[in-house]
Amino acid sequence: MENRPNVNVAAIGPEEVPVIDLSGDIERIVEEVGNACKEKKKAKRDEVNPVGYHDGEHTKNVRDWKEVYDFLIDDSTLIPASPDPDCQELRTITNPWPENPSQFRVVCQEYAGEMEKLAFKLMEIICLSLGLPGGRLKGYFEEQTSFLRINHYPPCPFSDLTLGCGRHKDFDFLTVLAQDDVGGLEVKRNGKWVPVKPDPTALIINVGDICQVCF
């Protein structure tokens, strides 16, 4: 894509990142460090809520060298209560938002909303390109579980032995990906892995398994 959505949101300033002075009263230091740890734990994914912060994902049984923060575009969202295909019970999942930075939730929600608009526009264009009505598939996605993921790949001391995320396919309909300037993303074409050069003016669009099944 050549045009990014224009999202007018407040910037998150560095002054909102907690700063702890390790000099002085030990009781104060312990309390501040403890509060910082509790804040991170508030947003951590668990066995009940599948969204939030997580640092233990695996791809093909190999642990990824990354941290992620997932959140649903529609908060709250109903999902099946169990993986049993015959289960009729539903349960609600909600996004666990950290209190700091104070603008984090607003920025994320506005950005996610614009990405959702773009995804529906791309769906319409794909349908039209195949000779179908533009809204042919929209009804199937009125109740959906789209989410946005923020990936962080920490520096690795053994980068030649580690992958931030191993080879995989996206199971969804479309993935809209904003790269940074570091690079590292590769796609497989004709049996060979091809690097995707970062472009700050463009977004990467991955066609997922559901899209291929639909057509």
N, C-alpha and C. Protein backbone atom coordinates (compact mmCIF):
# COMPACT_ATOMS: atom_id res chain seq x y z
N MET A 1 0.85 -1.19 0.00
CA MET A 1 0.00 0.00 0.00
C MET A 1 0.88 1.24 0.00
N GLU A 2 0.47 2.25 -0.72
CA GLU A 2 1.28 3.45 -0.83
C GLU A 2 0.83 4.56 0.10
N ASN A 3 -0.37 4.44 0.68
CA ASN A 3 -0.87 5.51 1.54
C ASN A 3 -1.20 4.96 2.92
N ARG A 4 -0.68 5.62 3.93
CA ARG A 4 -0.99 5.24 5.30
C ARG A 4 -2.21 6.01 5.78
N PRO A 5 -3.05 5.40 6.64
CA PRO A 5 -4.14 6.16 7.25
C PRO A 5 -3.58 7.30 8.08
N ASN A 6 -4.25 8.43 8.05
CA ASN A 6 -3.81 9.60 8.81
C ASN A 6 -4.50 9.59 10.16
N VAL A 7 -3.80 9.15 11.17
CA VAL A 7 -4.38 9.06 12.51
C VAL A 7 -3.85 10.21 13.35
N ASN A 8 -4.75 11.07 13.79
CA ASN A 8 -4.35 12.22 14.60
C ASN A 8 -4.51 11.86 16.07
N VAL A 9 -3.44 11.36 16.68
CA VAL A 9 -3.51 10.94 18.07
C VAL A 9 -2.40 11.61 18.85
N ALA A 10 -2.58 11.66 20.17
CA ALA A 10 -1.57 12.27 21.03
C ALA A 10 -0.34 11.39 21.13
N ALA A 11 0.81 12.00 21.13
CA ALA A 11 2.06 11.25 21.23
C ALA A 11 2.30 10.83 22.68
N ILE A 12 2.97 9.70 22.84
CA ILE A 12 3.34 9.24 24.17
C ILE A 12 4.74 9.74 24.47
N GLY A 13 4.87 10.58 25.43
CA GLY A 13 6.16 11.18 25.73
C GLY A 13 7.00 10.30 26.62
N PRO A 14 8.34 10.43 26.54
CA PRO A 14 9.23 9.60 27.36
C PRO A 14 9.09 9.87 28.84
N GLU A 15 8.54 11.05 29.21
CA GLU A 15 8.42 11.35 30.62
C GLU A 15 7.39 10.47 31.31
N GLU A 16 6.55 9.76 30.53
CA GLU A 16 5.54 8.89 31.12
C GLU A 16 6.08 7.51 31.43
N VAL A 17 7.30 7.20 31.01
CA VAL A 17 7.92 5.93 31.38
C VAL A 17 8.44 6.06 32.81
N PRO A 18 8.06 5.14 33.71
CA PRO A 18 8.47 5.27 35.12
C PRO A 18 9.99 5.33 35.28
N VAL A 19 10.46 6.26 36.10
CA VAL A 19 11.88 6.40 36.42
C VAL A 19 12.03 6.17 37.92
N ILE A 20 12.90 5.24 38.30
CA ILE A 20 13.09 4.89 39.71
C ILE A 20 14.50 5.26 40.14
N ASP A 21 14.59 6.11 41.15
CA ASP A 21 15.88 6.53 41.70
C ASP A 21 16.33 5.48 42.72
N LEU A 22 17.47 4.82 42.45
CA LEU A 22 17.95 3.75 43.32
C LEU A 22 18.75 4.25 44.51
N SER A 23 18.86 5.56 44.65
CA SER A 23 19.54 6.10 45.83
C SER A 23 18.50 6.49 46.87
N GLY A 24 18.90 6.48 48.13
CA GLY A 24 17.98 6.92 49.17
C GLY A 24 17.35 5.77 49.91
N ASP A 25 16.13 6.01 50.39
CA ASP A 25 15.42 5.09 51.27
C ASP A 25 15.12 3.76 50.57
N ILE A 26 15.59 2.65 51.14
CA ILE A 26 15.41 1.34 50.53
C ILE A 26 13.95 0.92 50.49
N GLU A 27 13.16 1.32 51.49
CA GLU A 27 11.75 0.95 51.50
C GLU A 27 11.01 1.60 50.34
N ARG A 28 11.35 2.86 50.05
CA ARG A 28 10.73 3.54 48.91
C ARG A 28 11.11 2.86 47.60
N ILE A 29 12.39 2.49 47.47
CA ILE A 29 12.87 1.84 46.24
C ILE A 29 12.14 0.52 46.02
N VAL A 30 12.04 -0.28 47.09
CA VAL A 30 11.36 -1.58 46.99
C VAL A 30 9.91 -1.39 46.56
N GLU A 31 9.24 -0.40 47.15
CA GLU A 31 7.83 -0.14 46.80
C GLU A 31 7.69 0.26 45.34
N GLU A 32 8.56 1.15 44.85
CA GLU A 32 8.45 1.62 43.48
C GLU A 32 8.76 0.50 42.48
N VAL A 33 9.77 -0.32 42.77
CA VAL A 33 10.08 -1.45 41.89
C VAL A 33 8.92 -2.44 41.89
N GLY A 34 8.36 -2.70 43.06
CA GLY A 34 7.22 -3.60 43.15
C GLY A 34 6.02 -3.11 42.37
N ASN A 35 5.75 -1.81 42.45
CA ASN A 35 4.63 -1.24 41.71
C ASN A 35 4.84 -1.36 40.20
N ALA A 36 6.10 -1.15 39.75
CA ALA A 36 6.39 -1.27 38.33
C ALA A 36 6.16 -2.70 37.85
N CYS A 37 6.54 -3.68 38.66
CA CYS A 37 6.33 -5.08 38.30
C CYS A 37 4.84 -5.42 38.28
N LYS A 38 4.09 -4.90 39.23
CA LYS A 38 2.65 -5.14 39.27
C LYS A 38 1.97 -4.56 38.04
N GLU A 39 2.44 -3.38 37.59
CA GLU A 39 1.85 -2.73 36.42
C GLU A 39 2.03 -3.61 35.18
N LYS A 40 3.21 -4.22 35.03
CA LYS A 40 3.44 -5.11 33.89
C LYS A 40 2.57 -6.35 33.99
N LYS A 41 2.43 -6.87 35.22
CA LYS A 41 1.65 -8.09 35.41
C LYS A 41 0.17 -7.87 35.12
N LYS A 42 -0.33 -6.65 35.33
CA LYS A 42 -1.74 -6.35 35.06
C LYS A 42 -2.11 -6.66 33.62
N ALA A 43 -1.18 -6.42 32.70
CA ALA A 43 -1.46 -6.57 31.28
C ALA A 43 -0.99 -7.91 30.73
N LYS A 44 -0.61 -8.83 31.60
CA LYS A 44 -0.04 -10.11 31.13
C LYS A 44 -1.13 -11.09 30.74
N ARG A 45 -0.91 -11.77 29.65
CA ARG A 45 -1.82 -12.80 29.19
C ARG A 45 -1.82 -13.97 30.18
N ASP A 46 -2.98 -14.65 30.32
CA ASP A 46 -3.03 -15.82 31.19
C ASP A 46 -3.89 -16.89 30.54
N GLU A 47 -4.14 -17.98 31.29
CA GLU A 47 -4.88 -19.10 30.71
C GLU A 47 -6.35 -18.77 30.48
N VAL A 48 -6.86 -17.71 31.10
CA VAL A 48 -8.26 -17.32 30.93
C VAL A 48 -8.41 -16.28 29.83
N ASN A 49 -7.55 -15.28 29.83
CA ASN A 49 -7.63 -14.19 28.86
C ASN A 49 -6.48 -14.31 27.86
N PRO A 50 -6.76 -14.59 26.58
CA PRO A 50 -5.69 -14.85 25.60
C PRO A 50 -5.09 -13.59 24.99
N VAL A 51 -5.41 -12.41 25.51
CA VAL A 51 -4.83 -11.17 24.99
C VAL A 51 -4.02 -10.49 26.09
N GLY A 52 -3.12 -9.58 25.67
CA GLY A 52 -2.26 -8.89 26.62
C GLY A 52 -0.80 -9.16 26.33
N TYR A 53 0.04 -8.93 27.34
CA TYR A 53 1.49 -9.10 27.18
C TYR A 53 1.90 -10.56 27.31
N HIS A 54 2.86 -10.97 26.48
CA HIS A 54 3.34 -12.35 26.54
C HIS A 54 4.75 -12.41 25.97
N ASP A 55 5.60 -13.24 26.57
CA ASP A 55 6.98 -13.36 26.07
C ASP A 55 7.41 -14.81 25.89
N GLY A 56 6.44 -15.72 25.80
CA GLY A 56 6.79 -17.13 25.70
C GLY A 56 6.17 -17.85 24.52
N GLU A 57 5.98 -17.15 23.39
CA GLU A 57 5.37 -17.80 22.23
C GLU A 57 6.35 -18.75 21.55
N HIS A 58 5.79 -19.80 20.95
CA HIS A 58 6.58 -20.78 20.21
C HIS A 58 6.07 -20.87 18.77
N THR A 59 6.97 -21.03 17.83
CA THR A 59 6.63 -21.31 16.44
C THR A 59 7.27 -22.63 16.06
N LYS A 60 6.42 -23.60 15.70
CA LYS A 60 6.90 -24.96 15.38
C LYS A 60 7.76 -25.52 16.52
N ASN A 61 7.25 -25.35 17.75
CA ASN A 61 7.86 -25.88 18.98
C ASN A 61 9.22 -25.26 19.32
N VAL A 62 9.54 -24.14 18.71
CA VAL A 62 10.76 -23.41 19.04
C VAL A 62 10.36 -22.04 19.59
N ARG A 63 10.91 -21.68 20.74
CA ARG A 63 10.52 -20.42 21.36
C ARG A 63 11.00 -19.23 20.53
N ASP A 64 10.09 -18.27 20.30
CA ASP A 64 10.44 -17.05 19.57
C ASP A 64 11.23 -16.10 20.46
N TRP A 65 12.15 -15.35 19.85
CA TRP A 65 12.92 -14.34 20.58
C TRP A 65 12.19 -13.01 20.45
N LYS A 66 11.07 -12.88 21.16
CA LYS A 66 10.28 -11.67 21.03
C LYS A 66 9.33 -11.53 22.21
N GLU A 67 8.83 -10.32 22.36
CA GLU A 67 7.74 -10.01 23.28
C GLU A 67 6.58 -9.49 22.45
N VAL A 68 5.35 -9.79 22.88
CA VAL A 68 4.19 -9.31 22.14
C VAL A 68 3.17 -8.71 23.10
N TYR A 69 2.37 -7.81 22.56
CA TYR A 69 1.20 -7.30 23.28
C TYR A 69 0.04 -7.34 22.29
N ASP A 70 -0.94 -8.18 22.57
CA ASP A 70 -2.12 -8.34 21.72
C ASP A 70 -3.31 -7.64 22.35
N PHE A 71 -4.13 -7.02 21.51
CA PHE A 71 -5.41 -6.52 22.02
C PHE A 71 -6.47 -6.59 20.93
N LEU A 72 -7.69 -6.84 21.36
CA LEU A 72 -8.82 -6.97 20.45
C LEU A 72 -9.25 -5.60 19.93
N ILE A 73 -9.65 -5.56 18.67
CA ILE A 73 -10.16 -4.31 18.12
C ILE A 73 -11.53 -4.02 18.70
N ASP A 74 -12.36 -5.06 18.85
CA ASP A 74 -13.66 -4.91 19.51
C ASP A 74 -13.53 -5.37 20.95
N ASP A 75 -13.56 -4.44 21.87
CA ASP A 75 -13.39 -4.73 23.29
C ASP A 75 -14.71 -4.38 24.00
N SER A 76 -15.46 -5.32 24.49
CA SER A 76 -15.19 -6.73 24.74
C SER A 76 -15.69 -7.60 23.58
N THR A 77 -15.19 -8.86 23.54
CA THR A 77 -15.51 -9.76 22.45
C THR A 77 -15.96 -11.11 23.01
N LEU A 78 -16.98 -11.70 22.36
CA LEU A 78 -17.45 -13.02 22.75
C LEU A 78 -16.72 -14.08 21.94
N ILE A 79 -16.26 -15.12 22.63
CA ILE A 79 -15.60 -16.25 21.97
C ILE A 79 -16.15 -17.54 22.55
N PRO A 80 -15.98 -18.68 21.87
CA PRO A 80 -16.42 -19.96 22.44
C PRO A 80 -15.75 -20.23 23.78
N ALA A 81 -16.49 -20.81 24.70
CA ALA A 81 -15.96 -21.06 26.04
C ALA A 81 -14.95 -22.19 26.07
N SER A 82 -14.93 -23.04 25.03
CA SER A 82 -13.97 -24.14 24.97
C SER A 82 -13.64 -24.43 23.51
N PRO A 83 -12.53 -25.15 23.25
CA PRO A 83 -12.18 -25.49 21.87
C PRO A 83 -13.05 -26.59 21.27
N ASP A 84 -13.95 -27.16 22.05
CA ASP A 84 -14.84 -28.21 21.56
C ASP A 84 -15.74 -27.64 20.46
N PRO A 85 -15.72 -28.19 19.24
CA PRO A 85 -16.54 -27.64 18.15
C PRO A 85 -18.04 -27.71 18.41
N ASP A 86 -18.47 -28.58 19.32
CA ASP A 86 -19.89 -28.70 19.64
C ASP A 86 -20.32 -27.80 20.80
N CYS A 87 -19.37 -27.08 21.39
CA CYS A 87 -19.68 -26.22 22.53
C CYS A 87 -20.50 -25.01 22.08
N GLN A 88 -21.63 -24.77 22.71
CA GLN A 88 -22.50 -23.63 22.38
C GLN A 88 -22.32 -22.46 23.35
N GLU A 89 -21.56 -22.68 24.41
CA GLU A 89 -21.39 -21.65 25.43
C GLU A 89 -20.38 -20.60 24.97
N LEU A 90 -20.65 -19.34 25.31
CA LEU A 90 -19.75 -18.24 24.97
C LEU A 90 -19.21 -17.59 26.24
N ARG A 91 -18.05 -16.97 26.13
CA ARG A 91 -17.51 -16.19 27.24
C ARG A 91 -16.94 -14.89 26.69
N THR A 92 -16.78 -13.91 27.56
CA THR A 92 -16.32 -12.58 27.16
C THR A 92 -14.85 -12.40 27.51
N ILE A 93 -14.09 -11.87 26.56
CA ILE A 93 -12.70 -11.51 26.85
C ILE A 93 -12.55 -10.00 26.64
N THR A 94 -11.74 -9.39 27.47
CA THR A 94 -11.51 -7.95 27.40
C THR A 94 -10.01 -7.67 27.39
N ASN A 95 -9.66 -6.50 26.91
CA ASN A 95 -8.26 -6.11 26.82
C ASN A 95 -7.73 -5.66 28.18
N PRO A 96 -6.61 -6.21 28.65
CA PRO A 96 -5.99 -5.74 29.90
C PRO A 96 -5.05 -4.58 29.63
N TRP A 97 -5.49 -3.36 29.88
CA TRP A 97 -4.68 -2.18 29.56
C TRP A 97 -3.84 -1.74 30.75
N PRO A 98 -2.56 -1.44 30.53
CA PRO A 98 -1.75 -0.86 31.61
C PRO A 98 -2.14 0.59 31.86
N GLU A 99 -1.89 1.08 33.06
CA GLU A 99 -2.22 2.47 33.38
C GLU A 99 -1.24 3.45 32.75
N ASN A 100 0.00 3.03 32.56
CA ASN A 100 1.02 3.89 31.98
C ASN A 100 1.66 3.21 30.78
N PRO A 101 2.00 4.00 29.75
CA PRO A 101 1.77 5.44 29.59
C PRO A 101 0.28 5.77 29.48
N SER A 102 -0.10 6.93 29.92
CA SER A 102 -1.52 7.28 30.03
C SER A 102 -2.23 7.29 28.68
N GLN A 103 -1.53 7.61 27.59
CA GLN A 103 -2.15 7.68 26.27
C GLN A 103 -2.04 6.38 25.48
N PHE A 104 -1.45 5.35 26.08
CA PHE A 104 -1.20 4.10 25.35
C PHE A 104 -2.50 3.50 24.81
N ARG A 105 -3.51 3.43 25.65
CA ARG A 105 -4.78 2.82 25.24
C ARG A 105 -5.42 3.61 24.10
N VAL A 106 -5.45 4.93 24.22
CA VAL A 106 -6.08 5.77 23.20
C VAL A 106 -5.37 5.62 21.86
N VAL A 107 -4.04 5.69 21.88
CA VAL A 107 -3.26 5.58 20.65
C VAL A 107 -3.49 4.22 20.00
N CYS A 108 -3.43 3.16 20.79
CA CYS A 108 -3.61 1.81 20.24
C CYS A 108 -4.99 1.62 19.63
N GLN A 109 -6.03 2.07 20.33
CA GLN A 109 -7.38 1.88 19.84
C GLN A 109 -7.65 2.66 18.56
N GLU A 110 -7.14 3.88 18.47
CA GLU A 110 -7.35 4.67 17.26
C GLU A 110 -6.59 4.08 16.09
N TYR A 111 -5.37 3.64 16.32
CA TYR A 111 -4.59 3.02 15.26
C TYR A 111 -5.26 1.73 14.78
N ALA A 112 -5.72 0.91 15.73
CA ALA A 112 -6.38 -0.35 15.38
C ALA A 112 -7.64 -0.10 14.56
N GLY A 113 -8.39 0.94 14.92
CA GLY A 113 -9.59 1.27 14.16
C GLY A 113 -9.29 1.61 12.72
N GLU A 114 -8.20 2.36 12.49
CA GLU A 114 -7.82 2.71 11.12
C GLU A 114 -7.34 1.48 10.35
N MET A 115 -6.63 0.58 11.02
CA MET A 115 -6.18 -0.64 10.36
C MET A 115 -7.36 -1.53 9.98
N GLU A 116 -8.38 -1.55 10.82
CA GLU A 116 -9.57 -2.34 10.50
C GLU A 116 -10.27 -1.78 9.27
N LYS A 117 -10.38 -0.45 9.18
CA LYS A 117 -10.97 0.17 7.99
C LYS A 117 -10.20 -0.21 6.73
N LEU A 118 -8.87 -0.18 6.84
CA LEU A 118 -8.03 -0.53 5.70
C LEU A 118 -8.24 -1.99 5.30
N ALA A 119 -8.32 -2.88 6.28
CA ALA A 119 -8.51 -4.30 5.99
C ALA A 119 -9.82 -4.55 5.26
N PHE A 120 -10.90 -3.89 5.68
CA PHE A 120 -12.18 -4.05 4.99
C PHE A 120 -12.12 -3.47 3.58
N LYS A 121 -11.39 -2.37 3.40
CA LYS A 121 -11.23 -1.81 2.06
C LYS A 121 -10.47 -2.77 1.16
N LEU A 122 -9.43 -3.39 1.69
CA LEU A 122 -8.67 -4.37 0.91
C LEU A 122 -9.53 -5.58 0.57
N MET A 123 -10.37 -6.02 1.50
CA MET A 123 -11.27 -7.13 1.24
C MET A 123 -12.20 -6.80 0.07
N GLU A 124 -12.71 -5.57 0.06
CA GLU A 124 -13.59 -5.13 -1.02
C GLU A 124 -12.85 -5.14 -2.36
N ILE A 125 -11.61 -4.64 -2.37
CA ILE A 125 -10.82 -4.58 -3.60
C ILE A 125 -10.52 -5.99 -4.12
N ILE A 126 -10.19 -6.91 -3.21
CA ILE A 126 -9.92 -8.29 -3.61
C ILE A 126 -11.14 -8.90 -4.28
N CYS A 127 -12.31 -8.69 -3.69
CA CYS A 127 -13.55 -9.22 -4.27
C CYS A 127 -13.78 -8.65 -5.67
N LEU A 128 -13.64 -7.34 -5.81
CA LEU A 128 -13.85 -6.69 -7.11
C LEU A 128 -12.86 -7.21 -8.15
N SER A 129 -11.61 -7.46 -7.73
CA SER A 129 -10.60 -7.95 -8.67
C SER A 129 -10.93 -9.34 -9.20
N LEU A 130 -11.76 -10.08 -8.46
CA LEU A 130 -12.16 -11.43 -8.86
C LEU A 130 -13.52 -11.45 -9.53
N GLY A 131 -14.05 -10.26 -9.85
CA GLY A 131 -15.33 -10.17 -10.52
C GLY A 131 -16.52 -10.37 -9.61
N LEU A 132 -16.33 -10.22 -8.31
CA LEU A 132 -17.41 -10.38 -7.33
C LEU A 132 -17.87 -9.02 -6.84
N PRO A 133 -19.08 -8.92 -6.27
CA PRO A 133 -19.49 -7.66 -5.65
C PRO A 133 -18.53 -7.28 -4.53
N GLY A 134 -18.27 -5.99 -4.37
CA GLY A 134 -17.31 -5.55 -3.36
C GLY A 134 -17.65 -5.99 -1.95
N GLY A 135 -18.95 -6.07 -1.63
CA GLY A 135 -19.36 -6.45 -0.28
C GLY A 135 -19.65 -7.93 -0.11
N ARG A 136 -19.16 -8.75 -1.05
CA ARG A 136 -19.49 -10.18 -1.05
C ARG A 136 -19.17 -10.87 0.27
N LEU A 137 -18.07 -10.52 0.91
CA LEU A 137 -17.64 -11.23 2.12
C LEU A 137 -17.89 -10.46 3.41
N LYS A 138 -18.33 -9.23 3.32
CA LYS A 138 -18.42 -8.39 4.51
C LYS A 138 -19.30 -9.00 5.59
N GLY A 139 -20.40 -9.64 5.18
CA GLY A 139 -21.32 -10.22 6.15
C GLY A 139 -20.69 -11.31 7.01
N TYR A 140 -19.68 -11.96 6.48
CA TYR A 140 -19.01 -13.02 7.24
C TYR A 140 -18.12 -12.47 8.35
N PHE A 141 -17.86 -11.17 8.32
CA PHE A 141 -16.93 -10.59 9.28
C PHE A 141 -17.59 -9.57 10.20
N GLU A 142 -18.94 -9.59 10.26
CA GLU A 142 -19.63 -8.67 11.17
C GLU A 142 -19.34 -9.03 12.63
N GLU A 143 -19.23 -10.32 12.91
CA GLU A 143 -18.82 -10.78 14.23
C GLU A 143 -17.48 -11.48 14.06
N GLN A 144 -16.41 -10.78 14.42
CA GLN A 144 -15.08 -11.33 14.20
C GLN A 144 -14.17 -10.98 15.37
N THR A 145 -13.02 -11.59 15.38
CA THR A 145 -12.09 -11.41 16.50
C THR A 145 -10.77 -10.83 16.01
N SER A 146 -10.86 -9.79 15.19
CA SER A 146 -9.64 -9.13 14.73
C SER A 146 -8.88 -8.55 15.93
N PHE A 147 -7.57 -8.62 15.86
CA PHE A 147 -6.76 -8.06 16.94
C PHE A 147 -5.52 -7.41 16.37
N LEU A 148 -4.92 -6.55 17.16
CA LEU A 148 -3.68 -5.90 16.77
C LEU A 148 -2.57 -6.40 17.68
N ARG A 149 -1.42 -6.66 17.10
CA ARG A 149 -0.27 -7.16 17.86
C ARG A 149 0.90 -6.19 17.73
N ILE A 150 1.49 -5.86 18.87
CA ILE A 150 2.72 -5.07 18.91
C ILE A 150 3.86 -6.04 19.21
N ASN A 151 4.81 -6.16 18.29
CA ASN A 151 5.95 -7.05 18.46
C ASN A 151 7.20 -6.28 18.87
N HIS A 152 7.94 -6.83 19.82
CA HIS A 152 9.24 -6.28 20.19
C HIS A 152 10.27 -7.40 20.13
N TYR A 153 11.31 -7.19 19.33
CA TYR A 153 12.37 -8.19 19.19
C TYR A 153 13.62 -7.66 19.89
N PRO A 154 13.90 -8.12 21.12
CA PRO A 154 15.07 -7.62 21.86
C PRO A 154 16.37 -8.02 21.16
N PRO A 155 17.45 -7.26 21.39
CA PRO A 155 18.76 -7.66 20.85
C PRO A 155 19.14 -9.05 21.37
N CYS A 156 19.72 -9.85 20.50
CA CYS A 156 20.11 -11.21 20.86
C CYS A 156 21.62 -11.36 20.74
N PRO A 157 22.29 -11.89 21.78
CA PRO A 157 23.74 -12.05 21.71
C PRO A 157 24.19 -13.12 20.72
N PHE A 158 23.26 -14.00 20.31
CA PHE A 158 23.59 -15.05 19.34
C PHE A 158 22.61 -14.96 18.17
N SER A 159 22.65 -13.84 17.46
CA SER A 159 21.68 -13.58 16.41
C SER A 159 21.76 -14.58 15.26
N ASP A 160 22.94 -15.18 15.04
CA ASP A 160 23.07 -16.15 13.95
C ASP A 160 22.46 -17.50 14.31
N LEU A 161 22.10 -17.69 15.58
CA LEU A 161 21.52 -18.95 16.02
C LEU A 161 20.05 -18.82 16.42
N THR A 162 19.51 -17.61 16.34
CA THR A 162 18.17 -17.36 16.86
C THR A 162 17.31 -16.63 15.83
N LEU A 163 16.03 -16.97 15.79
CA LEU A 163 15.07 -16.27 14.96
C LEU A 163 14.09 -15.53 15.87
N GLY A 164 13.79 -14.27 15.51
CA GLY A 164 12.77 -13.54 16.27
C GLY A 164 11.45 -14.28 16.22
N CYS A 165 11.11 -14.76 15.03
CA CYS A 165 9.91 -15.58 14.83
C CYS A 165 10.20 -16.52 13.67
N GLY A 166 9.99 -17.81 13.87
CA GLY A 166 10.31 -18.80 12.85
C GLY A 166 9.34 -18.77 11.68
N ARG A 167 9.62 -19.59 10.68
CA ARG A 167 8.78 -19.64 9.48
C ARG A 167 7.36 -20.08 9.87
N HIS A 168 6.38 -19.48 9.26
CA HIS A 168 4.99 -19.79 9.58
C HIS A 168 4.08 -19.21 8.50
N LYS A 169 2.82 -19.60 8.55
CA LYS A 169 1.78 -19.02 7.71
C LYS A 169 0.79 -18.29 8.60
N ASP A 170 0.20 -17.23 8.09
CA ASP A 170 -0.85 -16.53 8.84
C ASP A 170 -2.17 -17.26 8.60
N PHE A 171 -2.89 -17.54 9.68
CA PHE A 171 -4.14 -18.30 9.56
C PHE A 171 -5.33 -17.39 9.29
N ASP A 172 -5.17 -16.08 9.43
CA ASP A 172 -6.31 -15.16 9.34
C ASP A 172 -6.65 -14.84 7.89
N PHE A 173 -7.52 -13.85 7.68
CA PHE A 173 -7.89 -13.44 6.32
C PHE A 173 -6.82 -12.53 5.73
N LEU A 174 -6.50 -11.45 6.43
CA LEU A 174 -5.44 -10.54 6.01
C LEU A 174 -4.63 -10.10 7.22
N THR A 175 -3.34 -9.89 7.01
CA THR A 175 -2.49 -9.28 8.02
C THR A 175 -1.95 -7.98 7.46
N VAL A 176 -2.16 -6.88 8.19
CA VAL A 176 -1.61 -5.58 7.81
C VAL A 176 -0.42 -5.32 8.73
N LEU A 177 0.77 -5.25 8.15
CA LEU A 177 2.00 -5.19 8.94
C LEU A 177 2.75 -3.89 8.70
N ALA A 178 3.07 -3.19 9.78
CA ALA A 178 3.92 -1.99 9.71
C ALA A 178 5.31 -2.38 10.19
N GLN A 179 6.29 -2.33 9.29
CA GLN A 179 7.67 -2.65 9.65
C GLN A 179 8.37 -1.44 10.26
N ASP A 180 9.43 -1.72 11.03
CA ASP A 180 10.33 -0.65 11.44
C ASP A 180 11.47 -0.59 10.42
N ASP A 181 12.54 0.11 10.75
CA ASP A 181 13.63 0.27 9.79
C ASP A 181 14.71 -0.79 9.94
N VAL A 182 14.49 -1.78 10.81
CA VAL A 182 15.52 -2.78 11.06
C VAL A 182 15.51 -3.88 9.99
N GLY A 183 14.34 -4.30 9.57
CA GLY A 183 14.26 -5.38 8.60
C GLY A 183 14.33 -6.74 9.26
N GLY A 184 14.47 -7.77 8.44
CA GLY A 184 14.51 -9.14 8.94
C GLY A 184 13.37 -9.99 8.42
N LEU A 185 12.28 -9.36 7.95
CA LEU A 185 11.15 -10.10 7.42
C LEU A 185 11.53 -10.74 6.08
N GLU A 186 11.14 -12.00 5.90
CA GLU A 186 11.38 -12.71 4.65
C GLU A 186 10.10 -13.43 4.23
N VAL A 187 9.90 -13.56 2.91
CA VAL A 187 8.78 -14.32 2.37
C VAL A 187 9.33 -15.39 1.43
N LYS A 188 8.62 -16.49 1.35
CA LYS A 188 9.07 -17.59 0.51
C LYS A 188 8.44 -17.48 -0.87
N ARG A 189 9.28 -17.43 -1.89
CA ARG A 189 8.82 -17.31 -3.27
C ARG A 189 9.58 -18.31 -4.13
N ASN A 190 8.83 -19.19 -4.79
CA ASN A 190 9.44 -20.21 -5.66
C ASN A 190 10.50 -21.03 -4.92
N GLY A 191 10.19 -21.35 -3.66
CA GLY A 191 11.08 -22.20 -2.88
C GLY A 191 12.26 -21.50 -2.26
N LYS A 192 12.38 -20.19 -2.43
CA LYS A 192 13.50 -19.44 -1.88
C LYS A 192 13.01 -18.33 -0.96
N TRP A 193 13.77 -18.06 0.11
CA TRP A 193 13.42 -16.99 1.04
C TRP A 193 13.95 -15.66 0.52
N VAL A 194 13.03 -14.70 0.39
CA VAL A 194 13.36 -13.39 -0.18
C VAL A 194 13.17 -12.33 0.91
N PRO A 195 14.19 -11.51 1.20
CA PRO A 195 14.04 -10.45 2.21
C PRO A 195 13.09 -9.36 1.74
N VAL A 196 12.29 -8.85 2.67
CA VAL A 196 11.37 -7.74 2.38
C VAL A 196 12.00 -6.46 2.91
N LYS A 197 12.44 -5.61 2.01
CA LYS A 197 13.12 -4.38 2.40
C LYS A 197 12.14 -3.42 3.07
N PRO A 198 12.46 -2.90 4.25
CA PRO A 198 11.56 -1.95 4.93
C PRO A 198 11.31 -0.71 4.09
N ASP A 199 10.05 -0.28 4.05
CA ASP A 199 9.66 0.93 3.33
C ASP A 199 8.78 1.75 4.27
N PRO A 200 9.28 2.88 4.77
CA PRO A 200 8.51 3.68 5.74
C PRO A 200 7.23 4.28 5.17
N THR A 201 7.07 4.24 3.85
CA THR A 201 5.87 4.82 3.23
C THR A 201 4.82 3.76 2.90
N ALA A 202 5.06 2.51 3.26
CA ALA A 202 4.16 1.44 2.85
C ALA A 202 3.87 0.48 3.99
N LEU A 203 2.81 -0.28 3.84
CA LEU A 203 2.44 -1.34 4.76
C LEU A 203 2.54 -2.68 4.03
N ILE A 204 2.89 -3.73 4.75
CA ILE A 204 2.97 -5.07 4.19
C ILE A 204 1.61 -5.75 4.37
N ILE A 205 1.08 -6.35 3.29
CA ILE A 205 -0.19 -7.06 3.36
C ILE A 205 0.06 -8.54 3.11
N ASN A 206 -0.22 -9.36 4.12
CA ASN A 206 -0.10 -10.81 3.99
C ASN A 206 -1.48 -11.42 3.78
N VAL A 207 -1.60 -12.28 2.78
CA VAL A 207 -2.84 -13.01 2.54
C VAL A 207 -2.82 -14.28 3.38
N GLY A 208 -3.81 -14.42 4.25
CA GLY A 208 -3.83 -15.55 5.17
C GLY A 208 -4.58 -16.75 4.64
N ASP A 209 -4.58 -17.82 5.43
CA ASP A 209 -5.22 -19.07 5.03
C ASP A 209 -6.71 -18.90 4.78
N ILE A 210 -7.39 -18.12 5.63
CA ILE A 210 -8.84 -17.96 5.48
C ILE A 210 -9.17 -17.29 4.15
N CYS A 211 -8.36 -16.32 3.74
CA CYS A 211 -8.58 -15.64 2.46
C CYS A 211 -8.47 -16.64 1.31
N GLN A 212 -7.47 -17.50 1.37
CA GLN A 212 -7.28 -18.48 0.30
C GLN A 212 -8.40 -19.50 0.27
N VAL A 213 -8.91 -19.88 1.44
CA VAL A 213 -10.02 -20.82 1.50
C VAL A 213 -11.29 -20.20 0.90
N CYS A 214 -11.50 -18.90 1.16
CA CYS A 214 -12.70 -18.22 0.66
C CYS A 214 -12.76 -18.23 -0.87
N PHE A 215 -11.60 -18.18 -1.51
CA PHE A 215 -11.57 -18.08 -2.96
C PHE A 215 -11.03 -19.34 -3.61
